[in-house]
Amino acid sequence: MTIDNTESQMRKGLLELCILGIIQREKEAYPSDILGELKEAKLVVLEGTLYPLLTRLKNAGMLSYTWKESLTGPPRKYYALTESGSEFYASLRASWNELNKAVNFLTESL
């Protein structure tokens, strides 16, 4: 068992919450922008991880997308939360807040 593997598993578990959070905050987001924000937050994610997750969330009714013309190339797909996605995100945030509070309580030094 290594710290790298454990860290990786923790990050993967929170990736969905973080992606939905970015989209919620921005109202709509282009995948490259999502990757940039994750990288800036030190949550480096590869395109090969992001795109299947976005597709899964779209197929589950959590995301919708629209095509927008680009000045520098082909049209771009922008993702937005659906009403169900917004509710799901709010539930994930509440769960994260409870879990974070419990972990901090259990692991802080007295």
PDB file of N, CA and C in Angstrom:
ATOM      1  N   MET A   1       0.850  -1.181   0.000  1.00  0.00           N
ATOM      2  CA  MET A   1       0.000   0.000   0.000  1.00  0.00           C
ATOM      3  C   MET A   1       0.892   1.239   0.000  1.00  0.00           C
ATOM      4  N   THR A   2       0.553   2.182  -0.872  1.00  0.00           N
ATOM      5  CA  THR A   2       1.344   3.413  -0.947  1.00  0.00           C
ATOM      6  C   THR A   2       0.446   4.624  -0.775  1.00  0.00           C
ATOM      7  N   ILE A   3       1.048   5.718  -0.351  1.00  0.00           N
ATOM      8  CA  ILE A   3       0.296   6.959  -0.179  1.00  0.00           C
ATOM      9  C   ILE A   3      -0.233   7.447  -1.521  1.00  0.00           C
ATOM     10  N   ASP A   4       0.539   7.240  -2.592  1.00  0.00           N
ATOM     11  CA  ASP A   4       0.101   7.692  -3.912  1.00  0.00           C
ATOM     12  C   ASP A   4      -1.200   7.013  -4.325  1.00  0.00           C
ATOM     13  N   ASN A   5      -1.310   5.724  -4.099  1.00  0.00           N
ATOM     14  CA  ASN A   5      -2.516   4.990  -4.458  1.00  0.00           C
ATOM     15  C   ASN A   5      -3.709   5.463  -3.625  1.00  0.00           C
ATOM     16  N   THR A   6      -3.499   5.647  -2.342  1.00  0.00           N
ATOM     17  CA  THR A   6      -4.577   6.102  -1.465  1.00  0.00           C
ATOM     18  C   THR A   6      -5.022   7.505  -1.840  1.00  0.00           C
ATOM     19  N   GLU A   7      -4.065   8.391  -2.091  1.00  0.00           N
ATOM     20  CA  GLU A   7      -4.402   9.757  -2.533  1.00  0.00           C
ATOM     21  C   GLU A   7      -5.202   9.728  -3.823  1.00  0.00           C
ATOM     22  N   SER A   8      -4.784   8.900  -4.762  1.00  0.00           N
ATOM     23  CA  SER A   8      -5.469   8.793  -6.051  1.00  0.00           C
ATOM     24  C   SER A   8      -6.918   8.348  -5.863  1.00  0.00           C
ATOM     25  N   GLN A   9      -7.139   7.379  -5.006  1.00  0.00           N
ATOM     26  CA  GLN A   9      -8.505   6.892  -4.763  1.00  0.00           C
ATOM     27  C   GLN A   9      -9.375   7.967  -4.102  1.00  0.00           C
ATOM     28  N   MET A  10      -8.806   8.728  -3.174  1.00  0.00           N
ATOM     29  CA  MET A  10      -9.567   9.806  -2.542  1.00  0.00           C
ATOM     30  C   MET A  10      -9.956  10.865  -3.567  1.00  0.00           C
ATOM     31  N   ARG A  11      -9.015  11.230  -4.434  1.00  0.00           N
ATOM     32  CA  ARG A  11      -9.282  12.240  -5.460  1.00  0.00           C
ATOM     33  C   ARG A  11     -10.364  11.770  -6.425  1.00  0.00           C
ATOM     34  N   LYS A  12     -10.284  10.510  -6.848  1.00  0.00           N
ATOM     35  CA  LYS A  12     -11.296   9.968  -7.761  1.00  0.00           C
ATOM     36  C   LYS A  12     -12.678  10.021  -7.130  1.00  0.00           C
ATOM     37  N   GLY A  13     -12.756   9.760  -5.846  1.00  0.00           N
ATOM     38  CA  GLY A  13     -14.038   9.783  -5.155  1.00  0.00           C
ATOM     39  C   GLY A  13     -14.666  11.160  -5.108  1.00  0.00           C
ATOM     40  N   LEU A  14     -13.859  12.188  -5.167  1.00  0.00           N
ATOM     41  CA  LEU A  14     -14.366  13.560  -5.092  1.00  0.00           C
ATOM     42  C   LEU A  14     -14.458  14.252  -6.447  1.00  0.00           C
ATOM     43  N   LEU A  15     -14.003  13.595  -7.489  1.00  0.00           N
ATOM     44  CA  LEU A  15     -13.951  14.207  -8.804  1.00  0.00           C
ATOM     45  C   LEU A  15     -15.328  14.632  -9.310  1.00  0.00           C
ATOM     46  N   GLU A  16     -16.313  13.784  -9.155  1.00  0.00           N
ATOM     47  CA  GLU A  16     -17.669  14.109  -9.612  1.00  0.00           C
ATOM     48  C   GLU A  16     -18.181  15.373  -8.925  1.00  0.00           C
ATOM     49  N   LEU A  17     -17.996  15.454  -7.617  1.00  0.00           N
ATOM     50  CA  LEU A  17     -18.414  16.637  -6.862  1.00  0.00           C
ATOM     51  C   LEU A  17     -17.716  17.886  -7.390  1.00  0.00           C
ATOM     52  N   CYS A  18     -16.420  17.793  -7.627  1.00  0.00           N
ATOM     53  CA  CYS A  18     -15.655  18.949  -8.088  1.00  0.00           C
ATOM     54  C   CYS A  18     -16.089  19.394  -9.487  1.00  0.00           C
ATOM     55  N   ILE A  19     -16.303  18.448 -10.378  1.00  0.00           N
ATOM     56  CA  ILE A  19     -16.734  18.785 -11.741  1.00  0.00           C
ATOM     57  C   ILE A  19     -18.101  19.441 -11.716  1.00  0.00           C
ATOM     58  N   LEU A  20     -19.025  18.870 -10.974  1.00  0.00           N
ATOM     59  CA  LEU A  20     -20.359  19.473 -10.876  1.00  0.00           C
ATOM     60  C   LEU A  20     -20.280  20.856 -10.239  1.00  0.00           C
ATOM     61  N   GLY A  21     -19.378  21.026  -9.277  1.00  0.00           N
ATOM     62  CA  GLY A  21     -19.202  22.326  -8.638  1.00  0.00           C
ATOM     63  C   GLY A  21     -18.709  23.386  -9.600  1.00  0.00           C
ATOM     64  N   ILE A  22     -17.769  23.009 -10.460  1.00  0.00           N
ATOM     65  CA  ILE A  22     -17.265  23.950 -11.469  1.00  0.00           C
ATOM     66  C   ILE A  22     -18.391  24.359 -12.407  1.00  0.00           C
ATOM     67  N   ILE A  23     -19.145  23.383 -12.882  1.00  0.00           N
ATOM     68  CA  ILE A  23     -20.229  23.676 -13.820  1.00  0.00           C
ATOM     69  C   ILE A  23     -21.307  24.518 -13.142  1.00  0.00           C
ATOM     70  N   GLN A  24     -21.626  24.212 -11.896  1.00  0.00           N
ATOM     71  CA  GLN A  24     -22.629  24.990 -11.145  1.00  0.00           C
ATOM     72  C   GLN A  24     -22.182  26.447 -11.036  1.00  0.00           C
ATOM     73  N   ARG A  25     -20.933  26.658 -10.674  1.00  0.00           N
ATOM     74  CA  ARG A  25     -20.415  28.012 -10.481  1.00  0.00           C
ATOM     75  C   ARG A  25     -20.373  28.798 -11.783  1.00  0.00           C
ATOM     76  N   GLU A  26     -19.953  28.141 -12.857  1.00  0.00           N
ATOM     77  CA  GLU A  26     -19.792  28.828 -14.139  1.00  0.00           C
ATOM     78  C   GLU A  26     -21.091  28.891 -14.949  1.00  0.00           C
ATOM     79  N   LYS A  27     -22.104  28.170 -14.543  1.00  0.00           N
ATOM     80  CA  LYS A  27     -23.397  28.049 -15.251  1.00  0.00           C
ATOM     81  C   LYS A  27     -23.305  27.128 -16.458  1.00  0.00           C
ATOM     82  N   GLU A  28     -22.192  27.157 -17.177  1.00  0.00           N
ATOM     83  CA  GLU A  28     -21.905  26.204 -18.243  1.00  0.00           C
ATOM     84  C   GLU A  28     -20.396  26.159 -18.402  1.00  0.00           C
ATOM     85  N   ALA A  29     -19.890  25.008 -18.845  1.00  0.00           N
ATOM     86  CA  ALA A  29     -18.432  24.879 -18.906  1.00  0.00           C
ATOM     87  C   ALA A  29     -18.004  24.004 -20.075  1.00  0.00           C
ATOM     88  N   TYR A  30     -16.909  24.399 -20.675  1.00  0.00           N
ATOM     89  CA  TYR A  30     -16.265  23.663 -21.752  1.00  0.00           C
ATOM     90  C   TYR A  30     -15.259  22.701 -21.097  1.00  0.00           C
ATOM     91  N   PRO A  31     -15.181  21.449 -21.551  1.00  0.00           N
ATOM     92  CA  PRO A  31     -14.305  20.478 -20.881  1.00  0.00           C
ATOM     93  C   PRO A  31     -12.867  20.944 -20.669  1.00  0.00           C
ATOM     94  N   SER A  32     -12.270  21.632 -21.623  1.00  0.00           N
ATOM     95  CA  SER A  32     -10.893  22.105 -21.431  1.00  0.00           C
ATOM     96  C   SER A  32     -10.803  23.101 -20.277  1.00  0.00           C
ATOM     97  N   ASP A  33     -11.846  23.910 -20.105  1.00  0.00           N
ATOM     98  CA  ASP A  33     -11.870  24.847 -18.977  1.00  0.00           C
ATOM     99  C   ASP A  33     -12.005  24.101 -17.653  1.00  0.00           C
ATOM    100  N   ILE A  34     -12.806  23.029 -17.649  1.00  0.00           N
ATOM    101  CA  ILE A  34     -12.949  22.201 -16.446  1.00  0.00           C
ATOM    102  C   ILE A  34     -11.589  21.609 -16.082  1.00  0.00           C
ATOM    103  N   LEU A  35     -10.902  21.047 -17.082  1.00  0.00           N
ATOM    104  CA  LEU A  35      -9.570  20.478 -16.835  1.00  0.00           C
ATOM    105  C   LEU A  35      -8.608  21.528 -16.291  1.00  0.00           C
ATOM    106  N   GLY A  36      -8.667  22.741 -16.839  1.00  0.00           N
ATOM    107  CA  GLY A  36      -7.798  23.819 -16.367  1.00  0.00           C
ATOM    108  C   GLY A  36      -8.058  24.184 -14.914  1.00  0.00           C
ATOM    109  N   GLU A  37      -9.330  24.248 -14.543  1.00  0.00           N
ATOM    110  CA  GLU A  37      -9.655  24.581 -13.148  1.00  0.00           C
ATOM    111  C   GLU A  37      -9.238  23.471 -12.202  1.00  0.00           C
ATOM    112  N   LEU A  38      -9.438  22.218 -12.624  1.00  0.00           N
ATOM    113  CA  LEU A  38      -9.013  21.095 -11.786  1.00  0.00           C
ATOM    114  C   LEU A  38      -7.490  21.121 -11.607  1.00  0.00           C
ATOM    115  N   LYS A  39      -6.764  21.391 -12.685  1.00  0.00           N
ATOM    116  CA  LYS A  39      -5.305  21.453 -12.620  1.00  0.00           C
ATOM    117  C   LYS A  39      -4.858  22.582 -11.698  1.00  0.00           C
ATOM    118  N   GLU A  40      -5.504  23.726 -11.806  1.00  0.00           N
ATOM    119  CA  GLU A  40      -5.163  24.874 -10.951  1.00  0.00           C
ATOM    120  C   GLU A  40      -5.364  24.541  -9.470  1.00  0.00           C
ATOM    121  N   ALA A  41      -6.358  23.683  -9.188  1.00  0.00           N
ATOM    122  CA  ALA A  41      -6.636  23.268  -7.812  1.00  0.00           C
ATOM    123  C   ALA A  41      -5.800  22.059  -7.385  1.00  0.00           C
ATOM    124  N   LYS A  42      -4.849  21.665  -8.238  1.00  0.00           N
ATOM    125  CA  LYS A  42      -3.959  20.529  -7.967  1.00  0.00           C
ATOM    126  C   LYS A  42      -4.691  19.183  -8.039  1.00  0.00           C
ATOM    127  N   LEU A  43      -5.787  19.131  -8.791  1.00  0.00           N
ATOM    128  CA  LEU A  43      -6.500  17.885  -9.058  1.00  0.00           C
ATOM    129  C   LEU A  43      -6.337  17.569 -10.543  1.00  0.00           C
ATOM    130  N   VAL A  44      -5.156  17.133 -10.909  1.00  0.00           N
ATOM    131  CA  VAL A  44      -4.844  16.897 -12.312  1.00  0.00           C
ATOM    132  C   VAL A  44      -5.631  15.683 -12.808  1.00  0.00           C
ATOM    133  N   VAL A  45      -6.401  15.898 -13.877  1.00  0.00           N
ATOM    134  CA  VAL A  45      -7.250  14.870 -14.463  1.00  0.00           C
ATOM    135  C   VAL A  45      -6.974  14.846 -15.959  1.00  0.00           C
ATOM    136  N   LEU A  46      -6.919  13.665 -16.523  1.00  0.00           N
ATOM    137  CA  LEU A  46      -6.704  13.524 -17.955  1.00  0.00           C
ATOM    138  C   LEU A  46      -8.031  13.582 -18.708  1.00  0.00           C
ATOM    139  N   GLU A  47      -7.969  13.991 -19.969  1.00  0.00           N
ATOM    140  CA  GLU A  47      -9.171  14.030 -20.801  1.00  0.00           C
ATOM    141  C   GLU A  47      -9.858  12.671 -20.831  1.00  0.00           C
ATOM    142  N   GLY A  48      -9.066  11.610 -20.849  1.00  0.00           N
ATOM    143  CA  GLY A  48      -9.606  10.258 -20.892  1.00  0.00           C
ATOM    144  C   GLY A  48     -10.387   9.875 -19.656  1.00  0.00           C
ATOM    145  N   THR A  49     -10.238  10.637 -18.591  1.00  0.00           N
ATOM    146  CA  THR A  49     -11.026  10.439 -17.372  1.00  0.00           C
ATOM    147  C   THR A  49     -12.248  11.353 -17.383  1.00  0.00           C
ATOM    148  N   LEU A  50     -12.064  12.584 -17.833  1.00  0.00           N
ATOM    149  CA  LEU A  50     -13.146  13.574 -17.789  1.00  0.00           C
ATOM    150  C   LEU A  50     -14.283  13.252 -18.746  1.00  0.00           C
ATOM    151  N   TYR A  51     -13.966  12.978 -19.991  1.00  0.00           N
ATOM    152  CA  TYR A  51     -15.025  12.808 -20.992  1.00  0.00           C
ATOM    153  C   TYR A  51     -15.983  11.660 -20.682  1.00  0.00           C
ATOM    154  N   PRO A  52     -15.506  10.484 -20.259  1.00  0.00           N
ATOM    155  CA  PRO A  52     -16.464   9.431 -19.886  1.00  0.00           C
ATOM    156  C   PRO A  52     -17.343   9.820 -18.695  1.00  0.00           C
ATOM    157  N   LEU A  53     -16.772  10.570 -17.755  1.00  0.00           N
ATOM    158  CA  LEU A  53     -17.553  11.017 -16.604  1.00  0.00           C
ATOM    159  C   LEU A  53     -18.635  12.008 -17.032  1.00  0.00           C
ATOM    160  N   LEU A  54     -18.288  12.945 -17.909  1.00  0.00           N
ATOM    161  CA  LEU A  54     -19.287  13.893 -18.422  1.00  0.00           C
ATOM    162  C   LEU A  54     -20.396  13.154 -19.172  1.00  0.00           C
ATOM    163  N   THR A  55     -20.027  12.166 -19.970  1.00  0.00           N
ATOM    164  CA  THR A  55     -21.022  11.381 -20.706  1.00  0.00           C
ATOM    165  C   THR A  55     -21.932  10.618 -19.751  1.00  0.00           C
ATOM    166  N   ARG A  56     -21.355  10.014 -18.729  1.00  0.00           N
ATOM    167  CA  ARG A  56     -22.153   9.284 -17.744  1.00  0.00           C
ATOM    168  C   ARG A  56     -23.134  10.211 -17.029  1.00  0.00           C
ATOM    169  N   LEU A  57     -22.672  11.392 -16.643  1.00  0.00           N
ATOM    170  CA  LEU A  57     -23.544  12.359 -15.974  1.00  0.00           C
ATOM    171  C   LEU A  57     -24.640  12.866 -16.916  1.00  0.00           C
ATOM    172  N   LYS A  58     -24.314  13.061 -18.188  1.00  0.00           N
ATOM    173  CA  LYS A  58     -25.309  13.474 -19.172  1.00  0.00           C
ATOM    174  C   LYS A  58     -26.355  12.377 -19.357  1.00  0.00           C
ATOM    175  N   ASN A  59     -25.899  11.139 -19.500  1.00  0.00           N
ATOM    176  CA  ASN A  59     -26.821  10.020 -19.691  1.00  0.00           C
ATOM    177  C   ASN A  59     -27.716   9.787 -18.473  1.00  0.00           C
ATOM    178  N   ALA A  60     -27.231  10.186 -17.312  1.00  0.00           N
ATOM    179  CA  ALA A  60     -28.016  10.058 -16.075  1.00  0.00           C
ATOM    180  C   ALA A  60     -28.973  11.231 -15.881  1.00  0.00           C
ATOM    181  N   GLY A  61     -28.945  12.187 -16.811  1.00  0.00           N
ATOM    182  CA  GLY A  61     -29.847  13.332 -16.716  1.00  0.00           C
ATOM    183  C   GLY A  61     -29.357  14.461 -15.828  1.00  0.00           C
ATOM    184  N   MET A  62     -28.097  14.400 -15.418  1.00  0.00           N
ATOM    185  CA  MET A  62     -27.542  15.433 -14.539  1.00  0.00           C
ATOM    186  C   MET A  62     -27.010  16.632 -15.320  1.00  0.00           C
ATOM    187  N   LEU A  63     -26.616  16.396 -16.566  1.00  0.00           N
ATOM    188  CA  LEU A  63     -26.045  17.448 -17.406  1.00  0.00           C
ATOM    189  C   LEU A  63     -26.775  17.519 -18.744  1.00  0.00           C
ATOM    190  N   SER A  64     -26.767  18.704 -19.291  1.00  0.00           N
ATOM    191  CA  SER A  64     -27.190  18.908 -20.678  1.00  0.00           C
ATOM    192  C   SER A  64     -26.028  19.605 -21.367  1.00  0.00           C
ATOM    193  N   TYR A  65     -26.089  19.705 -22.676  1.00  0.00           N
ATOM    194  CA  TYR A  65     -25.027  20.421 -23.366  1.00  0.00           C
ATOM    195  C   TYR A  65     -25.585  21.177 -24.559  1.00  0.00           C
ATOM    196  N   THR A  66     -24.846  22.201 -24.942  1.00  0.00           N
ATOM    197  CA  THR A  66     -25.172  22.975 -26.135  1.00  0.00           C
ATOM    198  C   THR A  66     -23.890  23.148 -26.935  1.00  0.00           C
ATOM    199  N   TRP A  67     -24.049  23.274 -28.242  1.00  0.00           N
ATOM    200  CA  TRP A  67     -22.920  23.530 -29.125  1.00  0.00           C
ATOM    201  C   TRP A  67     -22.808  25.028 -29.351  1.00  0.00           C
ATOM    202  N   LYS A  68     -21.599  25.546 -29.266  1.00  0.00           N
ATOM    203  CA  LYS A  68     -21.360  26.965 -29.522  1.00  0.00           C
ATOM    204  C   LYS A  68     -20.240  27.108 -30.533  1.00  0.00           C
ATOM    205  N   GLU A  69     -20.400  28.043 -31.439  1.00  0.00           N
ATOM    206  CA  GLU A  69     -19.372  28.302 -32.440  1.00  0.00           C
ATOM    207  C   GLU A  69     -18.108  28.805 -31.759  1.00  0.00           C
ATOM    208  N   SER A  70     -16.974  28.425 -32.330  1.00  0.00           N
ATOM    209  CA  SER A  70     -15.682  28.852 -31.827  1.00  0.00           C
ATOM    210  C   SER A  70     -15.026  29.766 -32.851  1.00  0.00           C
ATOM    211  N   LEU A  71     -14.309  30.754 -32.380  1.00  0.00           N
ATOM    212  CA  LEU A  71     -13.590  31.651 -33.286  1.00  0.00           C
ATOM    213  C   LEU A  71     -12.328  30.995 -33.861  1.00  0.00           C
ATOM    214  N   THR A  72     -11.864  29.945 -33.212  1.00  0.00           N
ATOM    215  CA  THR A  72     -10.585  29.354 -33.611  1.00  0.00           C
ATOM    216  C   THR A  72     -10.682  27.919 -34.106  1.00  0.00           C
ATOM    217  N   GLY A  73     -11.865  27.399 -34.319  1.00  0.00           N
ATOM    218  CA  GLY A  73     -11.959  26.015 -34.769  1.00  0.00           C
ATOM    219  C   GLY A  73     -13.402  25.550 -34.840  1.00  0.00           C
ATOM    220  N   PRO A  74     -13.592  24.256 -34.683  1.00  0.00           N
ATOM    221  CA  PRO A  74     -14.948  23.709 -34.780  1.00  0.00           C
ATOM    222  C   PRO A  74     -15.810  24.128 -33.586  1.00  0.00           C
ATOM    223  N   PRO A  75     -17.129  23.930 -33.679  1.00  0.00           N
ATOM    224  CA  PRO A  75     -18.013  24.253 -32.548  1.00  0.00           C
ATOM    225  C   PRO A  75     -17.591  23.493 -31.291  1.00  0.00           C
ATOM    226  N   ARG A  76     -17.896  24.071 -30.154  1.00  0.00           N
ATOM    227  CA  ARG A  76     -17.528  23.485 -28.862  1.00  0.00           C
ATOM    228  C   ARG A  76     -18.780  23.071 -28.095  1.00  0.00           C
ATOM    229  N   LYS A  77     -18.644  21.983 -27.346  1.00  0.00           N
ATOM    230  CA  LYS A  77     -19.744  21.485 -26.525  1.00  0.00           C
ATOM    231  C   LYS A  77     -19.584  22.031 -25.108  1.00  0.00           C
ATOM    232  N   TYR A  78     -20.592  22.776 -24.646  1.00  0.00           N
ATOM    233  CA  TYR A  78     -20.604  23.327 -23.294  1.00  0.00           C
ATOM    234  C   TYR A  78     -21.636  22.591 -22.454  1.00  0.00           C
ATOM    235  N   TYR A  79     -21.236  22.212 -21.248  1.00  0.00           N
ATOM    236  CA  TYR A  79     -22.101  21.455 -20.348  1.00  0.00           C
ATOM    237  C   TYR A  79     -22.727  22.377 -19.298  1.00  0.00           C
ATOM    238  N   ALA A  80     -23.967  22.063 -18.940  1.00  0.00           N
ATOM    239  CA  ALA A  80     -24.680  22.791 -17.886  1.00  0.00           C
ATOM    240  C   ALA A  80     -25.426  21.777 -17.029  1.00  0.00           C
ATOM    241  N   LEU A  81     -25.690  22.148 -15.788  1.00  0.00           N
ATOM    242  CA  LEU A  81     -26.466  21.277 -14.913  1.00  0.00           C
ATOM    243  C   LEU A  81     -27.941  21.354 -15.278  1.00  0.00           C
ATOM    244  N   THR A  82     -28.595  20.216 -15.251  1.00  0.00           N
ATOM    245  CA  THR A  82     -30.048  20.185 -15.375  1.00  0.00           C
ATOM    246  C   THR A  82     -30.625  20.446 -13.979  1.00  0.00           C
ATOM    247  N   GLU A  83     -31.928  20.510 -13.879  1.00  0.00           N
ATOM    248  CA  GLU A  83     -32.546  20.673 -12.558  1.00  0.00           C
ATOM    249  C   GLU A  83     -32.178  19.491 -11.667  1.00  0.00           C
ATOM    250  N   SER A  84     -32.235  18.282 -12.229  1.00  0.00           N
ATOM    251  CA  SER A  84     -31.841  17.091 -11.462  1.00  0.00           C
ATOM    252  C   SER A  84     -30.374  17.168 -11.067  1.00  0.00           C
ATOM    253  N   GLY A  85     -29.550  17.678 -11.969  1.00  0.00           N
ATOM    254  CA  GLY A  85     -28.129  17.828 -11.678  1.00  0.00           C
ATOM    255  C   GLY A  85     -27.869  18.808 -10.552  1.00  0.00           C
ATOM    256  N   SER A  86     -28.616  19.892 -10.529  1.00  0.00           N
ATOM    257  CA  SER A  86     -28.470  20.874  -9.453  1.00  0.00           C
ATOM    258  C   SER A  86     -28.864  20.273  -8.113  1.00  0.00           C
ATOM    259  N   GLU A  87     -29.935  19.489  -8.111  1.00  0.00           N
ATOM    260  CA  GLU A  87     -30.369  18.832  -6.871  1.00  0.00           C
ATOM    261  C   GLU A  87     -29.347  17.790  -6.423  1.00  0.00           C
ATOM    262  N   PHE A  88     -28.821  17.036  -7.385  1.00  0.00           N
ATOM    263  CA  PHE A  88     -27.812  16.026  -7.080  1.00  0.00           C
ATOM    264  C   PHE A  88     -26.555  16.685  -6.525  1.00  0.00           C
ATOM    265  N   TYR A  89     -26.137  17.781  -7.144  1.00  0.00           N
ATOM    266  CA  TYR A  89     -24.962  18.507  -6.662  1.00  0.00           C
ATOM    267  C   TYR A  89     -25.178  18.997  -5.235  1.00  0.00           C
ATOM    268  N   ALA A  90     -26.351  19.543  -4.948  1.00  0.00           N
ATOM    269  CA  ALA A  90     -26.643  20.022  -3.595  1.00  0.00           C
ATOM    270  C   ALA A  90     -26.570  18.869  -2.592  1.00  0.00           C
ATOM    271  N   SER A  91     -27.057  17.701  -2.977  1.00  0.00           N
ATOM    272  CA  SER A  91     -26.991  16.528  -2.097  1.00  0.00           C
ATOM    273  C   SER A  91     -25.549  16.073  -1.887  1.00  0.00           C
ATOM    274  N   LEU A  92     -24.766  16.069  -2.968  1.00  0.00           N
ATOM    275  CA  LEU A  92     -23.352  15.708  -2.836  1.00  0.00           C
ATOM    276  C   LEU A  92     -22.612  16.681  -1.924  1.00  0.00           C
ATOM    277  N   ARG A  93     -22.904  17.981  -2.076  1.00  0.00           N
ATOM    278  CA  ARG A  93     -22.257  18.991  -1.219  1.00  0.00           C
ATOM    279  C   ARG A  93     -22.599  18.755   0.245  1.00  0.00           C
ATOM    280  N   ALA A  94     -23.868  18.473   0.512  1.00  0.00           N
ATOM    281  CA  ALA A  94     -24.286  18.216   1.892  1.00  0.00           C
ATOM    282  C   ALA A  94     -23.575  16.976   2.443  1.00  0.00           C
ATOM    283  N   SER A  95     -23.485  15.924   1.637  1.00  0.00           N
ATOM    284  CA  SER A  95     -22.795  14.703   2.068  1.00  0.00           C
ATOM    285  C   SER A  95     -21.318  14.986   2.328  1.00  0.00           C
ATOM    286  N   TRP A  96     -20.692  15.752   1.421  1.00  0.00           N
ATOM    287  CA  TRP A  96     -19.280  16.099   1.591  1.00  0.00           C
ATOM    288  C   TRP A  96     -19.077  16.897   2.868  1.00  0.00           C
ATOM    289  N   ASN A  97     -19.929  17.864   3.120  1.00  0.00           N
ATOM    290  CA  ASN A  97     -19.785  18.685   4.324  1.00  0.00           C
ATOM    291  C   ASN A  97     -19.872  17.833   5.586  1.00  0.00           C
ATOM    292  N   GLU A  98     -20.803  16.888   5.623  1.00  0.00           N
ATOM    293  CA  GLU A  98     -20.935  15.996   6.782  1.00  0.00           C
ATOM    294  C   GLU A  98     -19.704  15.100   6.926  1.00  0.00           C
ATOM    295  N   LEU A  99     -19.266  14.532   5.811  1.00  0.00           N
ATOM    296  CA  LEU A  99     -18.103  13.653   5.832  1.00  0.00           C
ATOM    297  C   LEU A  99     -16.845  14.419   6.241  1.00  0.00           C
ATOM    298  N   ASN A 100     -16.656  15.602   5.688  1.00  0.00           N
ATOM    299  CA  ASN A 100     -15.503  16.424   6.024  1.00  0.00           C
ATOM    300  C   ASN A 100     -15.490  16.762   7.521  1.00  0.00           C
ATOM    301  N   LYS A 101     -16.638  17.108   8.034  1.00  0.00           N
ATOM    302  CA  LYS A 101     -16.742  17.433   9.461  1.00  0.00           C
ATOM    303  C   LYS A 101     -16.396  16.207  10.318  1.00  0.00           C
ATOM    304  N   ALA A 102     -16.906  15.041   9.937  1.00  0.00           N
ATOM    305  CA  ALA A 102     -16.633  13.809  10.696  1.00  0.00           C
ATOM    306  C   ALA A 102     -15.156  13.443  10.641  1.00  0.00           C
ATOM    307  N   VAL A 103     -14.549  13.527   9.442  1.00  0.00           N
ATOM    308  CA  VAL A 103     -13.137  13.188   9.297  1.00  0.00           C
ATOM    309  C   VAL A 103     -12.272  14.145  10.117  1.00  0.00           C
ATOM    310  N   ASN A 104     -12.582  15.439  10.047  1.00  0.00           N
ATOM    311  CA  ASN A 104     -11.822  16.411  10.825  1.00  0.00           C
ATOM    312  C   ASN A 104     -11.954  16.129  12.320  1.00  0.00           C
ATOM    313  N   PHE A 105     -13.144  15.805  12.780  1.00  0.00           N
ATOM    314  CA  PHE A 105     -13.364  15.505  14.190  1.00  0.00           C
ATOM    315  C   PHE A 105     -12.544  14.297  14.622  1.00  0.00           C
ATOM    316  N   LEU A 106     -12.516  13.278  13.771  1.00  0.00           N
ATOM    317  CA  LEU A 106     -11.843  12.029  14.127  1.00  0.00           C
ATOM    318  C   LEU A 106     -10.328  12.073  13.974  1.00  0.00           C
ATOM    319  N   THR A 107      -9.823  12.998  13.179  1.00  0.00           N
ATOM    320  CA  THR A 107      -8.389  12.991  12.908  1.00  0.00           C
ATOM    321  C   THR A 107      -7.619  14.177  13.477  1.00  0.00           C
ATOM    322  N   GLU A 108      -8.296  15.151  14.037  1.00  0.00           N
ATOM    323  CA  GLU A 108      -7.598  16.298  14.606  1.00  0.00           C
ATOM    324  C   GLU A 108      -6.959  15.921  15.932  1.00  0.00           C
ATOM    325  N   SER A 109      -5.798  16.477  16.174  1.00  0.00           N
ATOM    326  CA  SER A 109      -5.105  16.246  17.442  1.00  0.00           C
ATOM    327  C   SER A 109      -5.792  17.054  18.530  1.00  0.00           C
ATOM    328  N   LEU A 110      -5.824  16.481  19.687  1.00  0.00           N
ATOM    329  CA  LEU A 110      -6.414  17.186  20.837  1.00  0.00           C
ATOM    330  C   LEU A 110      -5.393  18.014  21.549  1.00  0.00           C
TER     331      LEU A 110
END
